[in-house]
Amino acid sequence: MRVVVIGGSGHIGTYLIPRLVGAGHEVINVSRGKREPYTPHGAWQQVTTVVADRKAEEADGSFGRRIAELDGEVVIDLICFKEDSARAIADALAGRVRHFLHCGTIWVHGPSAQVPTTETARRAPFGEYGIQKAAIEAHLLDRAQRDGFPVTIIHPGHITGPGWVPVNPAGNVNPEVFQKLAEGSEVALPNLGMETVQHVHADDVARLFVDAMASRSAAVGESFHSVAATALTLRGFAEAVAGWFGRQARLTFLPWEEWRGTVSEFDAQLTYDHILHSPHCSMEKAERLLGHRPRYTSLEAVSEAVDWLVRAGTIKP
C-alpha cells in the first residue's frame, strides 16, 4: 500500500518507516526536513521525502490538501497536537483514505484512578498537551462512529530508545540522575518514591501501528495503549538502574515542596507532571483485538537508551 507518514523522522518514525518499507509498502515521509532518524537504516533510501512546514501550511489552509493529494491509502499522523489540526486533516482526508492512524498519548487519562487503566477509563486530562490530545481523540472517534471515518488512535507512554534521554527515576529527563546512580552517589526522590512511570520502546510503538494496519477491521474506530506491560515505581526504577552499574542505590526521600527546591524549575515541572499522572495502563485490548504484545519490558527499553548514553559519553560509569 501507499503509506504517508506525517512526522516520520522522530522517535517512532525511526523504527516505523523501516518496518513499513520492509513489509513492502510504498512510503512517503512528510517532515520539515530538519531531522535525521535516530538510527540509520538502509530502508530510508527507498522512502520519498516531502518537505513541509505544517504550522505555516495549516495557517494558510493548504496542509490538509497537500496531504490528501499525496493519495495515500494509509495516512499516519505522528505530530498532531491541536484539535483544530486534527479536524482539518480529517476534513481533507474524509472519503479519500482507507485508514488514518493518529498518535495520541496516555496523558488523555489524567491521573491514574483504578489500575491498570484501560482504554475505556474516564478522561480527566490536565495541562494543555493532555487536554488537546483528549479533544483530538474525542473528535476523531466521534467521526468514526457518525461518519465512518476510518481512524485508529495509538496512545504511547514514555517513549524511549537509543538516541535520547529517557524519563529517569526522578520523573524528569536530566541525565545527571542516571550519572549519580551509575557512580553510587546519593539520589533524592520526591515523596516516598512510590509514584509510577511507564515507558515503551519506540519500536514497540512502531509495531503497534503496523499491527493496527494489518488488522484494520478490528482497529478502525478504536484507541489502543502502547506501553510496556508493567509500570515502574520511581524507587524500584532507581534501584534497577544502580544495579546495572554494579551499585546499590543510595536513595533519600523528601516531601514534594522540599524536593522541588533541590532541582531546576524545568526539572521540577516535568517531575510533577509525571508523578501526578503516575500511569499504569493496560495492554490487554491491543493483545485481544490485534494480537499485539510489547516485546520490551520497561527496564529493557530504558536499558537500551542508557547503554547508548554510556557509549555517547553522557553517562560515565
C-alpha atoms as a PDB file:
ATOM      1  CA  MET A   1       0.000   0.000   0.000  1.00  0.00           C
ATOM      2  CA  ARG A   2       0.928   3.637  -0.357  1.00  0.00           C
ATOM      3  CA  VAL A   3       1.543   4.963   3.169  1.00  0.00           C
ATOM      4  CA  VAL A   4       2.004   8.627   4.049  1.00  0.00           C
ATOM      5  CA  VAL A   5       3.699   9.263   7.406  1.00  0.00           C
ATOM      6  CA  ILE A   6       3.478  12.783   8.813  1.00  0.00           C
ATOM      7  CA  GLY A   7       6.495  13.480  11.033  1.00  0.00           C
ATOM      8  CA  GLY A   8       8.303  10.218  10.344  1.00  0.00           C
ATOM      9  CA  SER A   9      11.837  11.277  11.244  1.00  0.00           C
ATOM     10  CA  GLY A  10      11.409  11.275  15.022  1.00  0.00           C
ATOM     11  CA  HIS A  11      11.280   8.718  17.824  1.00  0.00           C
ATOM     12  CA  ILE A  12       8.558   6.481  16.410  1.00  0.00           C
ATOM     13  CA  GLY A  13       9.326   7.034  12.740  1.00  0.00           C
ATOM     14  CA  THR A  14      12.922   5.900  13.234  1.00  0.00           C
ATOM     15  CA  TYR A  15      11.504   2.391  13.682  1.00  0.00           C
ATOM     16  CA  LEU A  16       8.150   2.661  11.922  1.00  0.00           C
ATOM     17  CA  ILE A  17       9.337   3.653   8.477  1.00  0.00           C
ATOM     18  CA  PRO A  18      11.883   0.809   8.113  1.00  0.00           C
ATOM     19  CA  ARG A  19       9.156  -1.619   9.240  1.00  0.00           C
ATOM     20  CA  LEU A  20       6.751  -0.265   6.624  1.00  0.00           C
ATOM     21  CA  VAL A  21       9.370  -0.489   3.875  1.00  0.00           C
ATOM     22  CA  GLY A  22      10.294  -3.991   4.987  1.00  0.00           C
ATOM     23  CA  ALA A  23       6.636  -5.018   4.726  1.00  0.00           C
ATOM     24  CA  GLY A  24       6.607  -3.931   1.087  1.00  0.00           C
ATOM     25  CA  HIS A  25       4.733  -0.627   1.400  1.00  0.00           C
ATOM     26  CA  GLU A  26       5.480   2.471  -0.644  1.00  0.00           C
ATOM     27  CA  VAL A  27       6.309   5.097   1.956  1.00  0.00           C
ATOM     28  CA  ILE A  28       6.197   8.886   1.811  1.00  0.00           C
ATOM     29  CA  ASN A  29       7.612  10.776   4.791  1.00  0.00           C
ATOM     30  CA  VAL A  30       6.303  14.311   5.282  1.00  0.00           C
ATOM     31  CA  SER A  31       8.550  16.384   7.534  1.00  0.00           C
ATOM     32  CA  ARG A  32      10.286  19.728   7.858  1.00  0.00           C
ATOM     33  CA  GLY A  33      13.474  18.053   6.651  1.00  0.00           C
ATOM     34  CA  LYS A  34      15.438  19.251   9.676  1.00  0.00           C
ATOM     35  CA  ARG A  35      15.987  15.928  11.478  1.00  0.00           C
ATOM     36  CA  GLU A  36      17.635  12.648  10.624  1.00  0.00           C
ATOM     37  CA  PRO A  37      16.267   9.405  12.112  1.00  0.00           C
ATOM     38  CA  TYR A  38      17.913   8.475  15.400  1.00  0.00           C
ATOM     39  CA  THR A  39      19.242   5.200  13.990  1.00  0.00           C
ATOM     40  CA  PRO A  40      20.439   4.899  10.362  1.00  0.00           C
ATOM     41  CA  HIS A  41      18.731   2.258   8.234  1.00  0.00           C
ATOM     42  CA  GLY A  42      19.048   1.375   4.565  1.00  0.00           C
ATOM     43  CA  ALA A  43      15.266   1.418   4.179  1.00  0.00           C
ATOM     44  CA  TRP A  44      15.325   5.224   4.129  1.00  0.00           C
ATOM     45  CA  GLN A  45      16.854   5.096   0.649  1.00  0.00           C
ATOM     46  CA  GLN A  46      13.512   3.768  -0.588  1.00  0.00           C
ATOM     47  CA  VAL A  47      11.444   6.489   1.093  1.00  0.00           C
ATOM     48  CA  THR A  48      10.129   9.562  -0.698  1.00  0.00           C
ATOM     49  CA  THR A  49      10.533  12.645   1.479  1.00  0.00           C
ATOM     50  CA  VAL A  50       8.190  15.605   1.144  1.00  0.00           C
ATOM     51  CA  VAL A  51       9.357  18.745   2.942  1.00  0.00           C
ATOM     52  CA  ALA A  52       6.514  20.671   4.539  1.00  0.00           C
ATOM     53  CA  ASP A  53       6.105  23.201   7.330  1.00  0.00           C
ATOM     54  CA  ARG A  54       2.886  22.026   8.943  1.00  0.00           C
ATOM     55  CA  LYS A  55       2.374  25.076  11.111  1.00  0.00           C
ATOM     56  CA  ALA A  56       2.746  27.518   8.226  1.00  0.00           C
ATOM     57  CA  GLU A  57       0.650  25.458   5.830  1.00  0.00           C
ATOM     58  CA  GLU A  58      -2.117  24.950   8.365  1.00  0.00           C
ATOM     59  CA  ALA A  59      -2.186  28.718   8.831  1.00  0.00           C
ATOM     60  CA  ASP A  60      -2.940  29.258   5.139  1.00  0.00           C
ATOM     61  CA  GLY A  61      -5.215  26.207   4.904  1.00  0.00           C
ATOM     62  CA  SER A  62      -3.070  24.221   2.472  1.00  0.00           C
ATOM     63  CA  PHE A  63      -1.672  21.412   4.633  1.00  0.00           C
ATOM     64  CA  GLY A  64      -4.643  19.062   4.560  1.00  0.00           C
ATOM     65  CA  ARG A  65      -4.987  19.458   0.808  1.00  0.00           C
ATOM     66  CA  ARG A  66      -1.297  18.724   0.308  1.00  0.00           C
ATOM     67  CA  ILE A  67      -1.558  15.504   2.348  1.00  0.00           C
ATOM     68  CA  ALA A  68      -4.705  14.427   0.514  1.00  0.00           C
ATOM     69  CA  GLU A  69      -3.052  15.000  -2.866  1.00  0.00           C
ATOM     70  CA  LEU A  70      -0.303  12.515  -1.950  1.00  0.00           C
ATOM     71  CA  ASP A  71      -3.025   9.857  -2.418  1.00  0.00           C
ATOM     72  CA  GLY A  72      -2.017   7.670   0.498  1.00  0.00           C
ATOM     73  CA  GLU A  73      -4.202   4.654   1.127  1.00  0.00           C
ATOM     74  CA  VAL A  74      -2.963   4.883   4.715  1.00  0.00           C
ATOM     75  CA  VAL A  75      -2.017   8.117   6.473  1.00  0.00           C
ATOM     76  CA  ILE A  76      -0.201   8.015   9.827  1.00  0.00           C
ATOM     77  CA  ASP A  77      -0.075  11.296  11.731  1.00  0.00           C
ATOM     78  CA  LEU A  78       2.639  11.306  14.402  1.00  0.00           C
ATOM     79  CA  ILE A  79       2.740  15.056  15.091  1.00  0.00           C
ATOM     80  CA  CYS A  80      -0.797  16.362  15.585  1.00  0.00           C
ATOM     81  CA  PHE A  81      -1.163  18.231  18.887  1.00  0.00           C
ATOM     82  CA  LYS A  82      -4.198  20.503  18.463  1.00  0.00           C
ATOM     83  CA  GLU A  83      -7.852  19.693  17.925  1.00  0.00           C
ATOM     84  CA  ASP A  84      -8.072  22.218  15.079  1.00  0.00           C
ATOM     85  CA  SER A  85      -5.228  20.414  13.300  1.00  0.00           C
ATOM     86  CA  ALA A  86      -6.985  17.074  13.680  1.00  0.00           C
ATOM     87  CA  ARG A  87     -10.274  18.480  12.376  1.00  0.00           C
ATOM     88  CA  ALA A  88      -8.542  19.953   9.345  1.00  0.00           C
ATOM     89  CA  ILE A  89      -6.654  16.792   8.391  1.00  0.00           C
ATOM     90  CA  ALA A  90      -9.762  14.640   8.884  1.00  0.00           C
ATOM     91  CA  ASP A  91     -11.812  17.002   6.718  1.00  0.00           C
ATOM     92  CA  ALA A  92      -9.215  16.807   3.968  1.00  0.00           C
ATOM     93  CA  LEU A  93      -8.931  13.010   4.067  1.00  0.00           C
ATOM     94  CA  ALA A  94     -12.611  12.080   4.502  1.00  0.00           C
ATOM     95  CA  GLY A  95     -13.573   9.729   1.687  1.00  0.00           C
ATOM     96  CA  ARG A  96     -10.014   9.660   0.350  1.00  0.00           C
ATOM     97  CA  VAL A  97      -8.140   7.389   2.751  1.00  0.00           C
ATOM     98  CA  ARG A  98      -8.556   3.717   3.637  1.00  0.00           C
ATOM     99  CA  HIS A  99      -7.045   4.022   7.121  1.00  0.00           C
ATOM    100  CA  PHE A 100      -5.971   7.021   9.184  1.00  0.00           C
ATOM    101  CA  LEU A 101      -3.834   6.419  12.283  1.00  0.00           C
ATOM    102  CA  HIS A 102      -3.237   9.142  14.867  1.00  0.00           C
ATOM    103  CA  CYS A 103      -0.570   9.153  17.576  1.00  0.00           C
ATOM    104  CA  GLY A 104      -2.110  10.186  20.894  1.00  0.00           C
ATOM    105  CA  THR A 105      -0.790   9.786  24.452  1.00  0.00           C
ATOM    106  CA  ILE A 106      -1.724   8.040  27.688  1.00  0.00           C
ATOM    107  CA  TRP A 107      -1.940  11.587  29.110  1.00  0.00           C
ATOM    108  CA  VAL A 108      -5.545  11.642  27.832  1.00  0.00           C
ATOM    109  CA  HIS A 109      -6.470   9.832  31.062  1.00  0.00           C
ATOM    110  CA  GLY A 110      -5.113  12.341  33.544  1.00  0.00           C
ATOM    111  CA  PRO A 111      -4.139  10.952  36.981  1.00  0.00           C
ATOM    112  CA  SER A 112      -4.467   7.204  37.422  1.00  0.00           C
ATOM    113  CA  ALA A 113      -7.549   6.121  39.333  1.00  0.00           C
ATOM    114  CA  GLN A 114      -8.042   2.358  39.071  1.00  0.00           C
ATOM    115  CA  VAL A 115      -5.052   0.483  37.723  1.00  0.00           C
ATOM    116  CA  PRO A 116      -4.231  -0.920  35.338  1.00  0.00           C
ATOM    117  CA  THR A 117      -6.054   1.813  33.427  1.00  0.00           C
ATOM    118  CA  THR A 118      -7.993   0.584  30.397  1.00  0.00           C
ATOM    119  CA  GLU A 119      -8.856   2.480  27.237  1.00  0.00           C
ATOM    120  CA  THR A 120     -12.457   2.788  28.447  1.00  0.00           C
ATOM    121  CA  ALA A 121     -11.483   4.627  31.643  1.00  0.00           C
ATOM    122  CA  ARG A 122     -12.861   8.142  32.058  1.00  0.00           C
ATOM    123  CA  ARG A 123     -10.921  11.016  30.608  1.00  0.00           C
ATOM    124  CA  ALA A 124      -9.771  13.611  33.133  1.00  0.00           C
ATOM    125  CA  PRO A 125      -6.769  15.235  31.435  1.00  0.00           C
ATOM    126  CA  PHE A 126      -4.932  18.258  32.751  1.00  0.00           C
ATOM    127  CA  GLY A 127      -2.366  20.513  31.103  1.00  0.00           C
ATOM    128  CA  GLU A 128      -2.565  21.779  27.542  1.00  0.00           C
ATOM    129  CA  TYR A 129      -0.979  18.677  25.997  1.00  0.00           C
ATOM    130  CA  GLY A 130      -3.268  16.130  27.632  1.00  0.00           C
ATOM    131  CA  ILE A 131      -6.398  18.255  27.192  1.00  0.00           C
ATOM    132  CA  GLN A 132      -5.757  18.795  23.483  1.00  0.00           C
ATOM    133  CA  LYS A 133      -4.930  15.132  22.866  1.00  0.00           C
ATOM    134  CA  ALA A 134      -8.132  14.056  24.623  1.00  0.00           C
ATOM    135  CA  ALA A 135     -10.120  16.515  22.499  1.00  0.00           C
ATOM    136  CA  ILE A 136      -8.497  15.117  19.357  1.00  0.00           C
ATOM    137  CA  GLU A 137      -9.377  11.574  20.395  1.00  0.00           C
ATOM    138  CA  ALA A 138     -12.979  12.510  21.140  1.00  0.00           C
ATOM    139  CA  HIS A 139     -13.392  14.276  17.809  1.00  0.00           C
ATOM    140  CA  LEU A 140     -11.829  11.540  15.684  1.00  0.00           C
ATOM    141  CA  LEU A 141     -13.684   8.689  17.377  1.00  0.00           C
ATOM    142  CA  ASP A 142     -16.937  10.632  17.052  1.00  0.00           C
ATOM    143  CA  ARG A 143     -16.311  10.973  13.316  1.00  0.00           C
ATOM    144  CA  ALA A 144     -15.616   7.266  13.128  1.00  0.00           C
ATOM    145  CA  GLN A 145     -18.951   6.494  14.759  1.00  0.00           C
ATOM    146  CA  ARG A 146     -21.046   9.099  12.946  1.00  0.00           C
ATOM    147  CA  ASP A 147     -19.436   9.229   9.514  1.00  0.00           C
ATOM    148  CA  GLY A 148     -17.396   6.037   9.231  1.00  0.00           C
ATOM    149  CA  PHE A 149     -14.086   7.899   9.212  1.00  0.00           C
ATOM    150  CA  PRO A 150     -11.519   5.045   9.325  1.00  0.00           C
ATOM    151  CA  VAL A 151      -9.420   6.172  12.298  1.00  0.00           C
ATOM    152  CA  THR A 152      -7.309   4.283  14.813  1.00  0.00           C
ATOM    153  CA  ILE A 153      -5.613   6.039  17.733  1.00  0.00           C
ATOM    154  CA  ILE A 154      -2.425   4.770  19.384  1.00  0.00           C
ATOM    155  CA  HIS A 155      -1.638   6.167  22.864  1.00  0.00           C
ATOM    156  CA  PRO A 156       2.075   5.741  23.759  1.00  0.00           C
ATOM    157  CA  GLY A 157       3.566   6.043  27.220  1.00  0.00           C
ATOM    158  CA  HIS A 158       7.066   7.439  27.863  1.00  0.00           C
ATOM    159  CA  ILE A 159       8.744   6.650  24.543  1.00  0.00           C
ATOM    160  CA  THR A 160      12.346   5.554  24.889  1.00  0.00           C
ATOM    161  CA  GLY A 161      15.153   4.060  22.836  1.00  0.00           C
ATOM    162  CA  PRO A 162      18.737   4.715  21.778  1.00  0.00           C
ATOM    163  CA  GLY A 163      19.479   8.302  20.832  1.00  0.00           C
ATOM    164  CA  TRP A 164      17.787  10.377  23.508  1.00  0.00           C
ATOM    165  CA  VAL A 165      17.483  10.659  27.292  1.00  0.00           C
ATOM    166  CA  PRO A 166      14.569   8.634  28.708  1.00  0.00           C
ATOM    167  CA  VAL A 167      12.392   9.645  31.624  1.00  0.00           C
ATOM    168  CA  ASN A 168      14.610   8.927  34.631  1.00  0.00           C
ATOM    169  CA  PRO A 169      13.860   7.587  38.147  1.00  0.00           C
ATOM    170  CA  ALA A 170      13.190  11.131  39.381  1.00  0.00           C
ATOM    171  CA  GLY A 171      10.498  11.598  36.749  1.00  0.00           C
ATOM    172  CA  ASN A 172      12.332  14.072  34.509  1.00  0.00           C
ATOM    173  CA  VAL A 173      14.905  13.836  31.695  1.00  0.00           C
ATOM    174  CA  ASN A 174      18.028  15.176  33.399  1.00  0.00           C
ATOM    175  CA  PRO A 175      20.836  12.659  32.664  1.00  0.00           C
ATOM    176  CA  GLU A 176      22.530  13.641  35.940  1.00  0.00           C
ATOM    177  CA  VAL A 177      20.147  11.270  37.757  1.00  0.00           C
ATOM    178  CA  PHE A 178      21.480   8.330  35.749  1.00  0.00           C
ATOM    179  CA  GLN A 179      25.045   9.552  36.325  1.00  0.00           C
ATOM    180  CA  LYS A 180      24.584   9.643  40.101  1.00  0.00           C
ATOM    181  CA  LEU A 181      23.134   6.147  40.156  1.00  0.00           C
ATOM    182  CA  ALA A 182      25.978   4.893  37.951  1.00  0.00           C
ATOM    183  CA  GLU A 183      28.670   6.269  40.276  1.00  0.00           C
ATOM    184  CA  GLY A 184      26.946   5.356  43.517  1.00  0.00           C
ATOM    185  CA  SER A 185      26.128   8.902  44.617  1.00  0.00           C
ATOM    186  CA  GLU A 186      23.068   9.734  46.658  1.00  0.00           C
ATOM    187  CA  VAL A 187      19.865  10.463  44.751  1.00  0.00           C
ATOM    188  CA  ALA A 188      16.880  12.230  46.295  1.00  0.00           C
ATOM    189  CA  LEU A 189      13.417  11.173  45.144  1.00  0.00           C
ATOM    190  CA  PRO A 190      10.158  13.017  45.771  1.00  0.00           C
ATOM    191  CA  ASN A 191       7.813  11.769  48.490  1.00  0.00           C
ATOM    192  CA  LEU A 192       8.324   8.041  49.083  1.00  0.00           C
ATOM    193  CA  GLY A 193       9.363   7.175  45.538  1.00  0.00           C
ATOM    194  CA  MET A 194       6.211   5.117  45.029  1.00  0.00           C
ATOM    195  CA  GLU A 195       4.752   7.091  42.123  1.00  0.00           C
ATOM    196  CA  THR A 196       4.963   5.330  38.762  1.00  0.00           C
ATOM    197  CA  VAL A 197       6.255   5.856  35.255  1.00  0.00           C
ATOM    198  CA  GLN A 198       5.510   3.615  32.267  1.00  0.00           C
ATOM    199  CA  HIS A 199       7.962   3.525  29.402  1.00  0.00           C
ATOM    200  CA  VAL A 200       7.623   1.976  25.980  1.00  0.00           C
ATOM    201  CA  HIS A 201      10.313   1.246  23.435  1.00  0.00           C
ATOM    202  CA  ALA A 202       9.828   3.283  20.259  1.00  0.00           C
ATOM    203  CA  ASP A 203       9.976   0.069  18.237  1.00  0.00           C
ATOM    204  CA  ASP A 204       7.056  -1.393  20.189  1.00  0.00           C
ATOM    205  CA  VAL A 205       5.043   1.720  19.336  1.00  0.00           C
ATOM    206  CA  ALA A 206       6.015   1.289  15.684  1.00  0.00           C
ATOM    207  CA  ARG A 207       4.990  -2.366  15.820  1.00  0.00           C
ATOM    208  CA  LEU A 208       1.570  -1.448  17.178  1.00  0.00           C
ATOM    209  CA  PHE A 209       0.946   0.960  14.300  1.00  0.00           C
ATOM    210  CA  VAL A 210       1.871  -1.817  11.853  1.00  0.00           C
ATOM    211  CA  ASP A 211      -0.280  -4.354  13.703  1.00  0.00           C
ATOM    212  CA  ALA A 212      -3.238  -1.960  13.603  1.00  0.00           C
ATOM    213  CA  MET A 213      -2.788  -1.582   9.856  1.00  0.00           C
ATOM    214  CA  ALA A 214      -2.672  -5.354   9.444  1.00  0.00           C
ATOM    215  CA  SER A 215      -5.876  -5.799  11.486  1.00  0.00           C
ATOM    216  CA  ARG A 216      -7.756  -2.842  10.049  1.00  0.00           C
ATOM    217  CA  SER A 217     -11.263  -4.199  10.624  1.00  0.00           C
ATOM    218  CA  ALA A 218     -10.559  -4.676  14.330  1.00  0.00           C
ATOM    219  CA  ALA A 219      -8.634  -1.422  14.701  1.00  0.00           C
ATOM    220  CA  VAL A 220     -10.870   1.144  12.996  1.00  0.00           C
ATOM    221  CA  GLY A 221     -12.851   3.224  15.440  1.00  0.00           C
ATOM    222  CA  GLU A 222     -10.696   2.157  18.383  1.00  0.00           C
ATOM    223  CA  SER A 223      -7.936   3.562  20.559  1.00  0.00           C
ATOM    224  CA  PHE A 224      -5.107   1.464  21.996  1.00  0.00           C
ATOM    225  CA  HIS A 225      -2.469   1.995  24.660  1.00  0.00           C
ATOM    226  CA  SER A 226       1.158   1.436  23.696  1.00  0.00           C
ATOM    227  CA  VAL A 227       3.192   0.893  26.856  1.00  0.00           C
ATOM    228  CA  ALA A 228       5.380  -1.757  28.426  1.00  0.00           C
ATOM    229  CA  ALA A 229       3.295  -4.387  30.175  1.00  0.00           C
ATOM    230  CA  THR A 230       4.104  -3.073  33.656  1.00  0.00           C
ATOM    231  CA  ALA A 231       4.824   0.298  35.235  1.00  0.00           C
ATOM    232  CA  LEU A 232       7.806   1.126  37.459  1.00  0.00           C
ATOM    233  CA  THR A 233       7.835   2.870  40.816  1.00  0.00           C
ATOM    234  CA  LEU A 234      10.464   5.606  40.964  1.00  0.00           C
ATOM    235  CA  ARG A 235      12.165   3.743  43.802  1.00  0.00           C
ATOM    236  CA  GLY A 236      12.245   0.387  42.004  1.00  0.00           C
ATOM    237  CA  PHE A 237      13.431   2.068  38.823  1.00  0.00           C
ATOM    238  CA  ALA A 238      16.319   3.758  40.646  1.00  0.00           C
ATOM    239  CA  GLU A 239      17.364   0.523  42.319  1.00  0.00           C
ATOM    240  CA  ALA A 240      17.394  -1.298  38.975  1.00  0.00           C
ATOM    241  CA  VAL A 241      19.469   1.392  37.244  1.00  0.00           C
ATOM    242  CA  ALA A 242      22.065   1.388  40.015  1.00  0.00           C
ATOM    243  CA  GLY A 243      22.242  -2.382  39.725  1.00  0.00           C
ATOM    244  CA  TRP A 244      23.153  -2.135  36.045  1.00  0.00           C
ATOM    245  CA  PHE A 245      26.384  -0.453  37.138  1.00  0.00           C
ATOM    246  CA  GLY A 246      27.098  -2.860  39.980  1.00  0.00           C
ATOM    247  CA  ARG A 247      25.931  -0.351  42.588  1.00  0.00           C
ATOM    248  CA  GLN A 248      23.374  -0.326  45.345  1.00  0.00           C
ATOM    249  CA  ALA A 249      21.103   2.695  45.072  1.00  0.00           C
ATOM    250  CA  ARG A 250      21.685   5.313  47.776  1.00  0.00           C
ATOM    251  CA  LEU A 251      18.267   6.934  47.972  1.00  0.00           C
ATOM    252  CA  THR A 252      16.792   9.631  50.148  1.00  0.00           C
ATOM    253  CA  PHE A 253      13.183  10.801  50.125  1.00  0.00           C
ATOM    254  CA  LEU A 254      11.926  14.359  50.543  1.00  0.00           C
ATOM    255  CA  PRO A 255       8.425  15.844  50.705  1.00  0.00           C
ATOM    256  CA  TRP A 256       7.452  17.342  47.362  1.00  0.00           C
ATOM    257  CA  GLU A 257       7.786  21.002  48.339  1.00  0.00           C
ATOM    258  CA  GLU A 258      11.244  20.358  49.760  1.00  0.00           C
ATOM    259  CA  TRP A 259      12.338  18.141  46.881  1.00  0.00           C
ATOM    260  CA  ARG A 260      11.345  20.623  44.174  1.00  0.00           C
ATOM    261  CA  GLY A 261      13.728  23.162  45.700  1.00  0.00           C
ATOM    262  CA  THR A 262      16.667  20.825  45.017  1.00  0.00           C
ATOM    263  CA  VAL A 263      16.230  20.838  41.219  1.00  0.00           C
ATOM    264  CA  SER A 264      15.664  23.368  38.448  1.00  0.00           C
ATOM    265  CA  GLU A 265      12.167  24.664  37.803  1.00  0.00           C
ATOM    266  CA  PHE A 266      12.179  22.841  34.453  1.00  0.00           C
ATOM    267  CA  ASP A 267      13.035  19.502  36.071  1.00  0.00           C
ATOM    268  CA  ALA A 268      10.518  20.074  38.856  1.00  0.00           C
ATOM    269  CA  GLN A 269       7.722  20.762  36.372  1.00  0.00           C
ATOM    270  CA  LEU A 270       8.473  17.601  34.379  1.00  0.00           C
ATOM    271  CA  THR A 271       8.617  15.516  37.531  1.00  0.00           C
ATOM    272  CA  TYR A 272       5.359  16.962  38.821  1.00  0.00           C
ATOM    273  CA  ASP A 273       3.668  16.167  35.503  1.00  0.00           C
ATOM    274  CA  HIS A 274       4.862  12.570  35.614  1.00  0.00           C
ATOM    275  CA  ILE A 275       4.173  11.806  39.260  1.00  0.00           C
ATOM    276  CA  LEU A 276       0.747  13.430  39.244  1.00  0.00           C
ATOM    277  CA  HIS A 277      -0.229  11.161  36.351  1.00  0.00           C
ATOM    278  CA  SER A 278       1.574   8.092  37.806  1.00  0.00           C
ATOM    279  CA  PRO A 279       0.438   5.992  34.853  1.00  0.00           C
ATOM    280  CA  HIS A 280      -0.141   2.261  34.878  1.00  0.00           C
ATOM    281  CA  CYS A 281      -2.016   1.414  31.697  1.00  0.00           C
ATOM    282  CA  SER A 282      -3.253  -1.935  30.431  1.00  0.00           C
ATOM    283  CA  MET A 283      -2.149  -3.611  27.193  1.00  0.00           C
ATOM    284  CA  GLU A 284      -4.959  -6.195  27.257  1.00  0.00           C
ATOM    285  CA  LYS A 285      -7.015  -4.583  24.498  1.00  0.00           C
ATOM    286  CA  ALA A 286      -4.180  -4.494  21.966  1.00  0.00           C
ATOM    287  CA  GLU A 287      -3.460  -8.157  22.600  1.00  0.00           C
ATOM    288  CA  ARG A 288      -7.123  -9.180  22.426  1.00  0.00           C
ATOM    289  CA  LEU A 289      -8.030  -7.278  19.257  1.00  0.00           C
ATOM    290  CA  LEU A 290      -4.725  -7.032  17.396  1.00  0.00           C
ATOM    291  CA  GLY A 291      -2.639  -9.890  18.777  1.00  0.00           C
ATOM    292  CA  HIS A 292      -0.040  -7.334  19.867  1.00  0.00           C
ATOM    293  CA  ARG A 293       2.279  -7.789  22.827  1.00  0.00           C
ATOM    294  CA  PRO A 294       5.122  -5.376  23.621  1.00  0.00           C
ATOM    295  CA  ARG A 295       8.488  -7.074  23.218  1.00  0.00           C
ATOM    296  CA  TYR A 296      10.316  -4.863  25.715  1.00  0.00           C
ATOM    297  CA  THR A 297       9.732  -4.548  29.424  1.00  0.00           C
ATOM    298  CA  SER A 298      10.094  -1.052  30.858  1.00  0.00           C
ATOM    299  CA  LEU A 299      13.584  -1.809  32.142  1.00  0.00           C
ATOM    300  CA  GLU A 300      14.700  -3.470  28.904  1.00  0.00           C
ATOM    301  CA  ALA A 301      13.542  -0.439  26.925  1.00  0.00           C
ATOM    302  CA  VAL A 302      15.295   2.035  29.213  1.00  0.00           C
ATOM    303  CA  SER A 303      18.483  -0.053  29.361  1.00  0.00           C
ATOM    304  CA  GLU A 304      18.971   0.324  25.595  1.00  0.00           C
ATOM    305  CA  ALA A 305      18.730   4.085  25.955  1.00  0.00           C
ATOM    306  CA  VAL A 306      21.099   4.124  28.927  1.00  0.00           C
ATOM    307  CA  ASP A 307      23.617   1.938  27.068  1.00  0.00           C
ATOM    308  CA  TRP A 308      23.552   4.498  24.267  1.00  0.00           C
ATOM    309  CA  LEU A 309      24.129   7.330  26.750  1.00  0.00           C
ATOM    310  CA  VAL A 310      27.144   5.460  28.112  1.00  0.00           C
ATOM    311  CA  ARG A 311      28.571   4.964  24.612  1.00  0.00           C
ATOM    312  CA  ALA A 312      27.963   8.639  23.853  1.00  0.00           C
ATOM    313  CA  GLY A 313      29.854   9.666  27.000  1.00  0.00           C
ATOM    314  CA  THR A 314      26.808  11.306  28.588  1.00  0.00           C
ATOM    315  CA  ILE A 315      26.985   8.791  31.448  1.00  0.00           C
ATOM    316  CA  LYS A 316      30.409   7.851  32.766  1.00  0.00           C
ATOM    317  CA  PRO A 317      30.378   4.649  34.841  1.00  0.00           C
END
